[in-house]
Amino acid sequence: MAEAQLNNRVALVTGGASGIGRASALALASAGAVIALADIDESGAHAALEEIVALGGRGIVIRADATEEAEVAAMIERIVAELGGLDIG
């Protein structure tokens, strides 16, 4: 992924606290995306965000269960309010 392609695009990564989600979040951040890390493991998501910030990236952590419709709706509302929109979901 070229940085210019994702520079300042907002990406939502569910399950971003560990495994494939965390790796995806780090890759997207390395390519210039702003990351919204969503996970039920809030402390793990904060640890992943610390890695992103250490790489020069930015983002937010959202404690959410992606299997719950109301939590997904609230997650999207927060991303739009805090990051100005959602480009990659």
PDB file of N, CA and C in Angstrom:
ATOM      1  N   MET A   1       0.841  -1.188   0.000  1.00  0.00           N
ATOM      2  CA  MET A   1       0.000   0.000   0.000  1.00  0.00           C
ATOM      3  C   MET A   1       0.877   1.239   0.000  1.00  0.00           C
ATOM      4  N   ALA A   2       0.652   2.111  -0.896  1.00  0.00           N
ATOM      5  CA  ALA A   2       1.416   3.346  -0.953  1.00  0.00           C
ATOM      6  C   ALA A   2       0.806   4.372  -0.016  1.00  0.00           C
ATOM      7  N   GLU A   3       1.660   5.080   0.707  1.00  0.00           N
ATOM      8  CA  GLU A   3       1.180   6.054   1.686  1.00  0.00           C
ATOM      9  C   GLU A   3       0.259   7.093   1.073  1.00  0.00           C
ATOM     10  N   ALA A   4       0.590   7.568  -0.104  1.00  0.00           N
ATOM     11  CA  ALA A   4      -0.221   8.597  -0.749  1.00  0.00           C
ATOM     12  C   ALA A   4      -1.655   8.125  -0.972  1.00  0.00           C
ATOM     13  N   GLN A   5      -1.847   6.854  -1.164  1.00  0.00           N
ATOM     14  CA  GLN A   5      -3.184   6.326  -1.408  1.00  0.00           C
ATOM     15  C   GLN A   5      -4.060   6.370  -0.157  1.00  0.00           C
ATOM     16  N   LEU A   6      -3.474   6.258   1.030  1.00  0.00           N
ATOM     17  CA  LEU A   6      -4.266   6.195   2.255  1.00  0.00           C
ATOM     18  C   LEU A   6      -4.036   7.377   3.182  1.00  0.00           C
ATOM     19  N   ASN A   7      -3.252   8.346   2.759  1.00  0.00           N
ATOM     20  CA  ASN A   7      -2.912   9.465   3.613  1.00  0.00           C
ATOM     21  C   ASN A   7      -4.161  10.155   4.146  1.00  0.00           C
ATOM     22  N   ASN A   8      -4.310  10.127   5.469  1.00  0.00           N
ATOM     23  CA  ASN A   8      -5.417  10.752   6.199  1.00  0.00           C
ATOM     24  C   ASN A   8      -6.793  10.158   5.906  1.00  0.00           C
ATOM     25  N   ARG A   9      -6.855   9.009   5.258  1.00  0.00           N
ATOM     26  CA  ARG A   9      -8.127   8.296   5.116  1.00  0.00           C
ATOM     27  C   ARG A   9      -8.436   7.643   6.457  1.00  0.00           C
ATOM     28  N   VAL A  10      -9.681   7.602   6.835  1.00  0.00           N
ATOM     29  CA  VAL A  10     -10.088   7.011   8.112  1.00  0.00           C
ATOM     30  C   VAL A  10     -10.476   5.562   7.881  1.00  0.00           C
ATOM     31  N   ALA A  11      -9.824   4.671   8.628  1.00  0.00           N
ATOM     32  CA  ALA A  11     -10.071   3.232   8.492  1.00  0.00           C
ATOM     33  C   ALA A  11     -10.586   2.670   9.810  1.00  0.00           C
ATOM     34  N   LEU A  12     -11.662   1.925   9.740  1.00  0.00           N
ATOM     35  CA  LEU A  12     -12.193   1.204  10.891  1.00  0.00           C
ATOM     36  C   LEU A  12     -11.650  -0.213  10.861  1.00  0.00           C
ATOM     37  N   VAL A  13     -11.058  -0.627  11.977  1.00  0.00           N
ATOM     38  CA  VAL A  13     -10.567  -1.997  12.101  1.00  0.00           C
ATOM     39  C   VAL A  13     -11.231  -2.614  13.325  1.00  0.00           C
ATOM     40  N   THR A  14     -12.133  -3.571  13.082  1.00  0.00           N
ATOM     41  CA  THR A  14     -12.736  -4.296  14.190  1.00  0.00           C
ATOM     42  C   THR A  14     -11.808  -5.441  14.571  1.00  0.00           C
ATOM     43  N   GLY A  15     -11.805  -5.780  15.839  1.00  0.00           N
ATOM     44  CA  GLY A  15     -10.884  -6.807  16.315  1.00  0.00           C
ATOM     45  C   GLY A  15      -9.448  -6.316  16.266  1.00  0.00           C
ATOM     46  N   GLY A  16      -9.269  -5.012  16.424  1.00  0.00           N
ATOM     47  CA  GLY A  16      -7.956  -4.394  16.285  1.00  0.00           C
ATOM     48  C   GLY A  16      -7.016  -4.592  17.454  1.00  0.00           C
ATOM     49  N   ALA A  17      -7.454  -5.252  18.512  1.00  0.00           N
ATOM     50  CA  ALA A  17      -6.599  -5.429  19.683  1.00  0.00           C
ATOM     51  C   ALA A  17      -5.552  -6.516  19.500  1.00  0.00           C
ATOM     52  N   SER A  18      -5.814  -7.461  18.600  1.00  0.00           N
ATOM     53  CA  SER A  18      -4.872  -8.577  18.473  1.00  0.00           C
ATOM     54  C   SER A  18      -5.001  -9.244  17.108  1.00  0.00           C
ATOM     55  N   GLY A  19      -4.074 -10.136  16.848  1.00  0.00           N
ATOM     56  CA  GLY A  19      -4.126 -10.988  15.664  1.00  0.00           C
ATOM     57  C   GLY A  19      -4.167 -10.241  14.351  1.00  0.00           C
ATOM     58  N   ILE A  20      -5.007 -10.740  13.452  1.00  0.00           N
ATOM     59  CA  ILE A  20      -5.117 -10.170  12.110  1.00  0.00           C
ATOM     60  C   ILE A  20      -5.608  -8.726  12.158  1.00  0.00           C
ATOM     61  N   GLY A  21      -6.524  -8.422  13.064  1.00  0.00           N
ATOM     62  CA  GLY A  21      -7.025  -7.051  13.190  1.00  0.00           C
ATOM     63  C   GLY A  21      -5.921  -6.079  13.559  1.00  0.00           C
ATOM     64  N   ARG A  22      -5.104  -6.461  14.533  1.00  0.00           N
ATOM     65  CA  ARG A  22      -3.998  -5.599  14.954  1.00  0.00           C
ATOM     66  C   ARG A  22      -2.988  -5.419  13.815  1.00  0.00           C
ATOM     67  N   ALA A  23      -2.653  -6.513  13.148  1.00  0.00           N
ATOM     68  CA  ALA A  23      -1.708  -6.450  12.024  1.00  0.00           C
ATOM     69  C   ALA A  23      -2.269  -5.566  10.912  1.00  0.00           C
ATOM     70  N   SER A  24      -3.560  -5.678  10.648  1.00  0.00           N
ATOM     71  CA  SER A  24      -4.191  -4.846   9.616  1.00  0.00           C
ATOM     72  C   SER A  24      -4.148  -3.374  10.008  1.00  0.00           C
ATOM     73  N   ALA A  25      -4.442  -3.087  11.272  1.00  0.00           N
ATOM     74  CA  ALA A  25      -4.412  -1.709  11.754  1.00  0.00           C
ATOM     75  C   ALA A  25      -3.016  -1.108  11.608  1.00  0.00           C
ATOM     76  N   LEU A  26      -2.005  -1.872  11.965  1.00  0.00           N
ATOM     77  CA  LEU A  26      -0.626  -1.390  11.850  1.00  0.00           C
ATOM     78  C   LEU A  26      -0.245  -1.158  10.384  1.00  0.00           C
ATOM     79  N   ALA A  27      -0.660  -2.058   9.510  1.00  0.00           N
ATOM     80  CA  ALA A  27      -0.353  -1.905   8.081  1.00  0.00           C
ATOM     81  C   ALA A  27      -1.059  -0.676   7.506  1.00  0.00           C
ATOM     82  N   LEU A  28      -2.315  -0.490   7.846  1.00  0.00           N
ATOM     83  CA  LEU A  28      -3.057   0.671   7.358  1.00  0.00           C
ATOM     84  C   LEU A  28      -2.444   1.968   7.883  1.00  0.00           C
ATOM     85  N   ALA A  29      -2.074   1.977   9.163  1.00  0.00           N
ATOM     86  CA  ALA A  29      -1.454   3.163   9.754  1.00  0.00           C
ATOM     87  C   ALA A  29      -0.114   3.452   9.086  1.00  0.00           C
ATOM     88  N   SER A  30       0.650   2.416   8.795  1.00  0.00           N
ATOM     89  CA  SER A  30       1.937   2.586   8.116  1.00  0.00           C
ATOM     90  C   SER A  30       1.757   3.174   6.723  1.00  0.00           C
ATOM     91  N   ALA A  31       0.590   2.933   6.133  1.00  0.00           N
ATOM     92  CA  ALA A  31       0.287   3.465   4.804  1.00  0.00           C
ATOM     93  C   ALA A  31      -0.359   4.848   4.877  1.00  0.00           C
ATOM     94  N   GLY A  32      -0.448   5.415   6.087  1.00  0.00           N
ATOM     95  CA  GLY A  32      -0.942   6.776   6.232  1.00  0.00           C
ATOM     96  C   GLY A  32      -2.369   6.930   6.701  1.00  0.00           C
ATOM     97  N   ALA A  33      -3.088   5.842   6.921  1.00  0.00           N
ATOM     98  CA  ALA A  33      -4.485   5.941   7.356  1.00  0.00           C
ATOM     99  C   ALA A  33      -4.585   6.326   8.827  1.00  0.00           C
ATOM    100  N   VAL A  34      -5.674   7.000   9.162  1.00  0.00           N
ATOM    101  CA  VAL A  34      -6.044   7.272  10.544  1.00  0.00           C
ATOM    102  C   VAL A  34      -6.902   6.092  10.974  1.00  0.00           C
ATOM    103  N   ILE A  35      -6.605   5.517  12.142  1.00  0.00           N
ATOM    104  CA  ILE A  35      -7.227   4.255  12.523  1.00  0.00           C
ATOM    105  C   ILE A  35      -8.245   4.412  13.646  1.00  0.00           C
ATOM    106  N   ALA A  36      -9.421   3.833  13.448  1.00  0.00           N
ATOM    107  CA  ALA A  36     -10.409   3.665  14.507  1.00  0.00           C
ATOM    108  C   ALA A  36     -10.347   2.195  14.899  1.00  0.00           C
ATOM    109  N   LEU A  37      -9.762   1.932  16.062  1.00  0.00           N
ATOM    110  CA  LEU A  37      -9.607   0.557  16.552  1.00  0.00           C
ATOM    111  C   LEU A  37     -10.813   0.197  17.398  1.00  0.00           C
ATOM    112  N   ALA A  38     -11.565  -0.785  16.961  1.00  0.00           N
ATOM    113  CA  ALA A  38     -12.743  -1.222  17.706  1.00  0.00           C
ATOM    114  C   ALA A  38     -12.537  -2.649  18.190  1.00  0.00           C
ATOM    115  N   ASP A  39     -12.807  -2.868  19.472  1.00  0.00           N
ATOM    116  CA  ASP A  39     -12.643  -4.208  20.032  1.00  0.00           C
ATOM    117  C   ASP A  39     -13.333  -4.255  21.384  1.00  0.00           C
ATOM    118  N   ILE A  40     -13.710  -5.457  21.804  1.00  0.00           N
ATOM    119  CA  ILE A  40     -14.234  -5.607  23.162  1.00  0.00           C
ATOM    120  C   ILE A  40     -13.091  -5.607  24.173  1.00  0.00           C
ATOM    121  N   ASP A  41     -11.871  -5.860  23.709  1.00  0.00           N
ATOM    122  CA  ASP A  41     -10.670  -5.811  24.540  1.00  0.00           C
ATOM    123  C   ASP A  41     -10.094  -4.399  24.458  1.00  0.00           C
ATOM    124  N   GLU A  42     -10.619  -3.517  25.287  1.00  0.00           N
ATOM    125  CA  GLU A  42     -10.228  -2.117  25.224  1.00  0.00           C
ATOM    126  C   GLU A  42      -8.752  -1.905  25.573  1.00  0.00           C
ATOM    127  N   SER A  43      -8.249  -2.629  26.538  1.00  0.00           N
ATOM    128  CA  SER A  43      -6.836  -2.445  26.911  1.00  0.00           C
ATOM    129  C   SER A  43      -5.913  -2.922  25.788  1.00  0.00           C
ATOM    130  N   GLY A  44      -6.266  -4.007  25.130  1.00  0.00           N
ATOM    131  CA  GLY A  44      -5.485  -4.475  23.991  1.00  0.00           C
ATOM    132  C   GLY A  44      -5.521  -3.494  22.839  1.00  0.00           C
ATOM    133  N   ALA A  45      -6.683  -2.879  22.623  1.00  0.00           N
ATOM    134  CA  ALA A  45      -6.810  -1.887  21.564  1.00  0.00           C
ATOM    135  C   ALA A  45      -5.963  -0.653  21.874  1.00  0.00           C
ATOM    136  N   HIS A  46      -5.920  -0.264  23.153  1.00  0.00           N
ATOM    137  CA  HIS A  46      -5.080   0.871  23.539  1.00  0.00           C
ATOM    138  C   HIS A  46      -3.604   0.546  23.310  1.00  0.00           C
ATOM    139  N   ALA A  47      -3.208  -0.688  23.584  1.00  0.00           N
ATOM    140  CA  ALA A  47      -1.820  -1.101  23.342  1.00  0.00           C
ATOM    141  C   ALA A  47      -1.501  -1.036  21.850  1.00  0.00           C
ATOM    142  N   ALA A  48      -2.435  -1.470  21.009  1.00  0.00           N
ATOM    143  CA  ALA A  48      -2.234  -1.392  19.559  1.00  0.00           C
ATOM    144  C   ALA A  48      -2.140   0.063  19.108  1.00  0.00           C
ATOM    145  N   LEU A  49      -2.974   0.933  19.689  1.00  0.00           N
ATOM    146  CA  LEU A  49      -2.922   2.349  19.335  1.00  0.00           C
ATOM    147  C   LEU A  49      -1.582   2.960  19.741  1.00  0.00           C
ATOM    148  N   GLU A  50      -1.023   2.533  20.855  1.00  0.00           N
ATOM    149  CA  GLU A  50       0.297   3.021  21.264  1.00  0.00           C
ATOM    150  C   GLU A  50       1.345   2.665  20.208  1.00  0.00           C
ATOM    151  N   GLU A  51       1.241   1.466  19.633  1.00  0.00           N
ATOM    152  CA  GLU A  51       2.160   1.071  18.555  1.00  0.00           C
ATOM    153  C   GLU A  51       1.978   1.968  17.334  1.00  0.00           C
ATOM    154  N   ILE A  52       0.736   2.259  17.016  1.00  0.00           N
ATOM    155  CA  ILE A  52       0.421   3.113  15.868  1.00  0.00           C
ATOM    156  C   ILE A  52       1.004   4.511  16.076  1.00  0.00           C
ATOM    157  N   VAL A  53       0.814   5.044  17.263  1.00  0.00           N
ATOM    158  CA  VAL A  53       1.341   6.380  17.579  1.00  0.00           C
ATOM    159  C   VAL A  53       2.868   6.373  17.520  1.00  0.00           C
ATOM    160  N   ALA A  54       3.488   5.296  18.002  1.00  0.00           N
ATOM    161  CA  ALA A  54       4.952   5.184  17.953  1.00  0.00           C
ATOM    162  C   ALA A  54       5.468   5.186  16.519  1.00  0.00           C
ATOM    163  N   LEU A  55       4.635   4.737  15.583  1.00  0.00           N
ATOM    164  CA  LEU A  55       4.997   4.752  14.160  1.00  0.00           C
ATOM    165  C   LEU A  55       4.713   6.109  13.510  1.00  0.00           C
ATOM    166  N   GLY A  56       4.161   7.036  14.297  1.00  0.00           N
ATOM    167  CA  GLY A  56       3.835   8.352  13.762  1.00  0.00           C
ATOM    168  C   GLY A  56       2.400   8.485  13.312  1.00  0.00           C
ATOM    169  N   GLY A  57       1.589   7.460  13.578  1.00  0.00           N
ATOM    170  CA  GLY A  57       0.188   7.484  13.167  1.00  0.00           C
ATOM    171  C   GLY A  57      -0.712   8.053  14.244  1.00  0.00           C
ATOM    172  N   ARG A  58      -1.997   8.053  13.938  1.00  0.00           N
ATOM    173  CA  ARG A  58      -2.978   8.512  14.925  1.00  0.00           C
ATOM    174  C   ARG A  58      -4.263   7.722  14.780  1.00  0.00           C
ATOM    175  N   GLY A  59      -5.075   7.788  15.820  1.00  0.00           N
ATOM    176  CA  GLY A  59      -6.337   7.074  15.791  1.00  0.00           C
ATOM    177  C   GLY A  59      -7.062   7.178  17.108  1.00  0.00           C
ATOM    178  N   ILE A  60      -8.125   6.404  17.216  1.00  0.00           N
ATOM    179  CA  ILE A  60      -8.911   6.343  18.441  1.00  0.00           C
ATOM    180  C   ILE A  60      -9.228   4.884  18.746  1.00  0.00           C
ATOM    181  N   VAL A  61      -9.569   4.656  20.011  1.00  0.00           N
ATOM    182  CA  VAL A  61     -10.008   3.333  20.456  1.00  0.00           C
ATOM    183  C   VAL A  61     -11.484   3.418  20.796  1.00  0.00           C
ATOM    184  N   ILE A  62     -12.225   2.429  20.339  1.00  0.00           N
ATOM    185  CA  ILE A  62     -13.652   2.340  20.642  1.00  0.00           C
ATOM    186  C   ILE A  62     -13.929   0.961  21.204  1.00  0.00           C
ATOM    187  N   ARG A  63     -14.445   0.924  22.423  1.00  0.00           N
ATOM    188  CA  ARG A  63     -14.834  -0.353  23.012  1.00  0.00           C
ATOM    189  C   ARG A  63     -16.197  -0.695  22.419  1.00  0.00           C
ATOM    190  N   ALA A  64     -16.240  -1.748  21.601  1.00  0.00           N
ATOM    191  CA  ALA A  64     -17.492  -2.120  20.944  1.00  0.00           C
ATOM    192  C   ALA A  64     -17.491  -3.599  20.595  1.00  0.00           C
ATOM    193  N   ASP A  65     -18.681  -4.160  20.629  1.00  0.00           N
ATOM    194  CA  ASP A  65     -18.908  -5.542  20.203  1.00  0.00           C
ATOM    195  C   ASP A  65     -19.554  -5.475  18.826  1.00  0.00           C
ATOM    196  N   ALA A  66     -18.824  -5.878  17.808  1.00  0.00           N
ATOM    197  CA  ALA A  66     -19.304  -5.763  16.423  1.00  0.00           C
ATOM    198  C   ALA A  66     -20.481  -6.683  16.121  1.00  0.00           C
ATOM    199  N   THR A  67     -20.849  -7.555  17.052  1.00  0.00           N
ATOM    200  CA  THR A  67     -22.016  -8.406  16.846  1.00  0.00           C
ATOM    201  C   THR A  67     -23.299  -7.757  17.367  1.00  0.00           C
ATOM    202  N   GLU A  68     -23.167  -6.595  17.987  1.00  0.00           N
ATOM    203  CA  GLU A  68     -24.321  -5.886  18.547  1.00  0.00           C
ATOM    204  C   GLU A  68     -24.647  -4.667  17.681  1.00  0.00           C
ATOM    205  N   GLU A  69     -25.812  -4.693  17.049  1.00  0.00           N
ATOM    206  CA  GLU A  69     -26.183  -3.649  16.096  1.00  0.00           C
ATOM    207  C   GLU A  69     -26.126  -2.243  16.697  1.00  0.00           C
ATOM    208  N   ALA A  70     -26.620  -2.074  17.907  1.00  0.00           N
ATOM    209  CA  ALA A  70     -26.617  -0.751  18.539  1.00  0.00           C
ATOM    210  C   ALA A  70     -25.192  -0.261  18.788  1.00  0.00           C
ATOM    211  N   GLU A  71     -24.295  -1.158  19.148  1.00  0.00           N
ATOM    212  CA  GLU A  71     -22.906  -0.773  19.389  1.00  0.00           C
ATOM    213  C   GLU A  71     -22.211  -0.400  18.083  1.00  0.00           C
ATOM    214  N   VAL A  72     -22.555  -1.087  17.008  1.00  0.00           N
ATOM    215  CA  VAL A  72     -21.977  -0.758  15.702  1.00  0.00           C
ATOM    216  C   VAL A  72     -22.436   0.631  15.271  1.00  0.00           C
ATOM    217  N   ALA A  73     -23.711   0.923  15.440  1.00  0.00           N
ATOM    218  CA  ALA A  73     -24.238   2.238  15.080  1.00  0.00           C
ATOM    219  C   ALA A  73     -23.558   3.337  15.897  1.00  0.00           C
ATOM    220  N   ALA A  74     -23.395   3.111  17.194  1.00  0.00           N
ATOM    221  CA  ALA A  74     -22.724   4.097  18.050  1.00  0.00           C
ATOM    222  C   ALA A  74     -21.256   4.256  17.653  1.00  0.00           C
ATOM    223  N   MET A  75     -20.631   3.153  17.261  1.00  0.00           N
ATOM    224  CA  MET A  75     -19.237   3.183  16.832  1.00  0.00           C
ATOM    225  C   MET A  75     -19.084   4.076  15.596  1.00  0.00           C
ATOM    226  N   ILE A  76     -19.942   3.902  14.622  1.00  0.00           N
ATOM    227  CA  ILE A  76     -19.873   4.693  13.394  1.00  0.00           C
ATOM    228  C   ILE A  76     -20.130   6.171  13.699  1.00  0.00           C
ATOM    229  N   GLU A  77     -21.121   6.452  14.536  1.00  0.00           N
ATOM    230  CA  GLU A  77     -21.413   7.838  14.915  1.00  0.00           C
ATOM    231  C   GLU A  77     -20.199   8.492  15.558  1.00  0.00           C
ATOM    232  N   ARG A  78     -19.513   7.763  16.429  1.00  0.00           N
ATOM    233  CA  ARG A  78     -18.340   8.317  17.107  1.00  0.00           C
ATOM    234  C   ARG A  78     -17.198   8.568  16.115  1.00  0.00           C
ATOM    235  N   ILE A  79     -16.990   7.646  15.196  1.00  0.00           N
ATOM    236  CA  ILE A  79     -15.935   7.816  14.196  1.00  0.00           C
ATOM    237  C   ILE A  79     -16.193   9.072  13.365  1.00  0.00           C
ATOM    238  N   VAL A  80     -17.411   9.242  12.922  1.00  0.00           N
ATOM    239  CA  VAL A  80     -17.759  10.407  12.113  1.00  0.00           C
ATOM    240  C   VAL A  80     -17.582  11.679  12.932  1.00  0.00           C
ATOM    241  N   ALA A  81     -18.031  11.665  14.189  1.00  0.00           N
ATOM    242  CA  ALA A  81     -17.933  12.856  15.037  1.00  0.00           C
ATOM    243  C   ALA A  81     -16.489  13.227  15.360  1.00  0.00           C
ATOM    244  N   GLU A  82     -15.666  12.226  15.658  1.00  0.00           N
ATOM    245  CA  GLU A  82     -14.297  12.501  16.110  1.00  0.00           C
ATOM    246  C   GLU A  82     -13.265  12.564  14.988  1.00  0.00           C
ATOM    247  N   LEU A  83     -13.500  11.817  13.924  1.00  0.00           N
ATOM    248  CA  LEU A  83     -12.494  11.740  12.858  1.00  0.00           C
ATOM    249  C   LEU A  83     -12.983  12.342  11.538  1.00  0.00           C
ATOM    250  N   GLY A  84     -14.232  12.780  11.506  1.00  0.00           N
ATOM    251  CA  GLY A  84     -14.742  13.483  10.330  1.00  0.00           C
ATOM    252  C   GLY A  84     -15.318  12.640   9.224  1.00  0.00           C
ATOM    253  N   GLY A  85     -15.382  11.339   9.418  1.00  0.00           N
ATOM    254  CA  GLY A  85     -15.942  10.463   8.400  1.00  0.00           C
ATOM    255  C   GLY A  85     -15.324   9.092   8.479  1.00  0.00           C
ATOM    256  N   LEU A  86     -15.703   8.241   7.556  1.00  0.00           N
ATOM    257  CA  LEU A  86     -15.183   6.882   7.492  1.00  0.00           C
ATOM    258  C   LEU A  86     -14.969   6.543   6.025  1.00  0.00           C
ATOM    259  N   ASP A  87     -13.717   6.222   5.681  1.00  0.00           N
ATOM    260  CA  ASP A  87     -13.369   5.911   4.297  1.00  0.00           C
ATOM    261  C   ASP A  87     -13.196   4.431   4.046  1.00  0.00           C
ATOM    262  N   ILE A  88     -12.690   3.699   5.047  1.00  0.00           N
ATOM    263  CA  ILE A  88     -12.378   2.289   4.882  1.00  0.00           C
ATOM    264  C   ILE A  88     -12.994   1.550   6.063  1.00  0.00           C
ATOM    265  N   GLY A  89     -13.904   0.633   5.767  1.00  0.00           N
ATOM    266  CA  GLY A  89     -14.573  -0.074   6.857  1.00  0.00           C
ATOM    267  C   GLY A  89     -14.618  -1.546   6.645  1.00  0.00           C
TER     268      GLY A  89
END
